[in-house]
Amino acid sequence: MAISRQQARSEHSRQFGAGHEQFTETIYGVVCAVCHNYILIDKTNCPSTCREHETCRQAYG
């Protein structure tokens, strides 16, 4: 299921709570300023929990 950058930011902030409301936008997706992990990669439009796609495995591995 494809999600937007705004949906990814909202879901991440809701899941991890206070302090996880600031994000860096890159050409590849959205990075949490606290976790320093991609919460969304635009190329596959998958959440960071995805391990099905090769692009996701490389980015989150």
C-alpha atoms as a PDB file:
ATOM      1  CA  MET A   1       0.000   0.000   0.000  1.00  0.00           C
ATOM      2  CA  ALA A   2       1.487   3.339  -1.075  1.00  0.00           C
ATOM      3  CA  ILE A   3       1.632   6.123   1.482  1.00  0.00           C
ATOM      4  CA  SER A   4       2.540   9.785   1.114  1.00  0.00           C
ATOM      5  CA  ARG A   5       5.417  11.560   2.810  1.00  0.00           C
ATOM      6  CA  GLN A   6       2.939  13.367   5.065  1.00  0.00           C
ATOM      7  CA  GLN A   7       1.289  10.082   6.077  1.00  0.00           C
ATOM      8  CA  ALA A   8       4.712   8.559   6.813  1.00  0.00           C
ATOM      9  CA  ARG A   9       5.699  11.536   9.002  1.00  0.00           C
ATOM     10  CA  SER A  10       2.389  11.459  10.883  1.00  0.00           C
ATOM     11  CA  GLU A  11       2.549   7.705  11.480  1.00  0.00           C
ATOM     12  CA  HIS A  12       6.161   7.850  12.673  1.00  0.00           C
ATOM     13  CA  SER A  13       5.435  10.712  15.098  1.00  0.00           C
ATOM     14  CA  ARG A  14       2.372   8.906  16.446  1.00  0.00           C
ATOM     15  CA  GLN A  15       4.274   5.626  16.858  1.00  0.00           C
ATOM     16  CA  PHE A  16       7.419   7.017  18.510  1.00  0.00           C
ATOM     17  CA  GLY A  17       6.004  10.045  20.310  1.00  0.00           C
ATOM     18  CA  ALA A  18       7.640  13.238  21.534  1.00  0.00           C
ATOM     19  CA  GLY A  19      10.846  14.296  19.837  1.00  0.00           C
ATOM     20  CA  HIS A  20      10.104  12.465  16.597  1.00  0.00           C
ATOM     21  CA  GLU A  21       8.358  15.355  14.846  1.00  0.00           C
ATOM     22  CA  GLN A  22      11.311  16.738  12.856  1.00  0.00           C
ATOM     23  CA  PHE A  23      12.254  15.290   9.488  1.00  0.00           C
ATOM     24  CA  THR A  24      14.712  15.833   6.687  1.00  0.00           C
ATOM     25  CA  GLU A  25      13.360  15.599   3.163  1.00  0.00           C
ATOM     26  CA  THR A  26      15.735  14.040   0.637  1.00  0.00           C
ATOM     27  CA  ILE A  27      15.370  13.132  -3.010  1.00  0.00           C
ATOM     28  CA  TYR A  28      15.016   9.525  -1.835  1.00  0.00           C
ATOM     29  CA  GLY A  29      12.461  10.009   0.899  1.00  0.00           C
ATOM     30  CA  VAL A  30      11.988  11.185   4.482  1.00  0.00           C
ATOM     31  CA  VAL A  31      14.522  10.796   7.320  1.00  0.00           C
ATOM     32  CA  CYS A  32      13.674  11.154  11.012  1.00  0.00           C
ATOM     33  CA  ALA A  33      15.965  13.743  12.658  1.00  0.00           C
ATOM     34  CA  VAL A  34      16.119  11.681  15.876  1.00  0.00           C
ATOM     35  CA  CYS A  35      16.344   8.112  14.525  1.00  0.00           C
ATOM     36  CA  HIS A  36      18.432   9.104  11.493  1.00  0.00           C
ATOM     37  CA  ASN A  37      16.626   6.368   9.573  1.00  0.00           C
ATOM     38  CA  TYR A  38      14.536   6.614   6.463  1.00  0.00           C
ATOM     39  CA  ILE A  39      10.875   6.329   7.386  1.00  0.00           C
ATOM     40  CA  LEU A  40       9.839   6.324   3.729  1.00  0.00           C
ATOM     41  CA  ILE A  41      11.699   5.670   0.503  1.00  0.00           C
ATOM     42  CA  ASP A  42       9.924   7.226  -2.460  1.00  0.00           C
ATOM     43  CA  LYS A  43      11.257   4.800  -5.054  1.00  0.00           C
ATOM     44  CA  THR A  44       9.384   1.870  -3.537  1.00  0.00           C
ATOM     45  CA  ASN A  45       7.046   3.976  -1.361  1.00  0.00           C
ATOM     46  CA  CYS A  46       7.446   1.401   1.395  1.00  0.00           C
ATOM     47  CA  PRO A  47       7.618   1.969   5.145  1.00  0.00           C
ATOM     48  CA  SER A  48      10.905   1.315   6.940  1.00  0.00           C
ATOM     49  CA  THR A  49       9.652  -2.094   8.105  1.00  0.00           C
ATOM     50  CA  CYS A  50       9.661  -3.412   4.521  1.00  0.00           C
ATOM     51  CA  ARG A  51      12.126  -6.233   3.883  1.00  0.00           C
ATOM     52  CA  GLU A  52      10.461  -7.483   0.679  1.00  0.00           C
ATOM     53  CA  HIS A  53      12.084  -5.119  -1.831  1.00  0.00           C
ATOM     54  CA  GLU A  54      15.778  -5.092  -2.669  1.00  0.00           C
ATOM     55  CA  THR A  55      15.922  -1.291  -2.472  1.00  0.00           C
ATOM     56  CA  CYS A  56      14.443  -1.413   1.025  1.00  0.00           C
ATOM     57  CA  ARG A  57      16.829  -4.136   2.180  1.00  0.00           C
ATOM     58  CA  GLN A  58      19.825  -2.104   0.979  1.00  0.00           C
ATOM     59  CA  ALA A  59      18.589   1.141   2.535  1.00  0.00           C
ATOM     60  CA  TYR A  60      17.617  -0.326   5.894  1.00  0.00           C
ATOM     61  CA  GLY A  61      20.151  -3.167   6.096  1.00  0.00           C
END
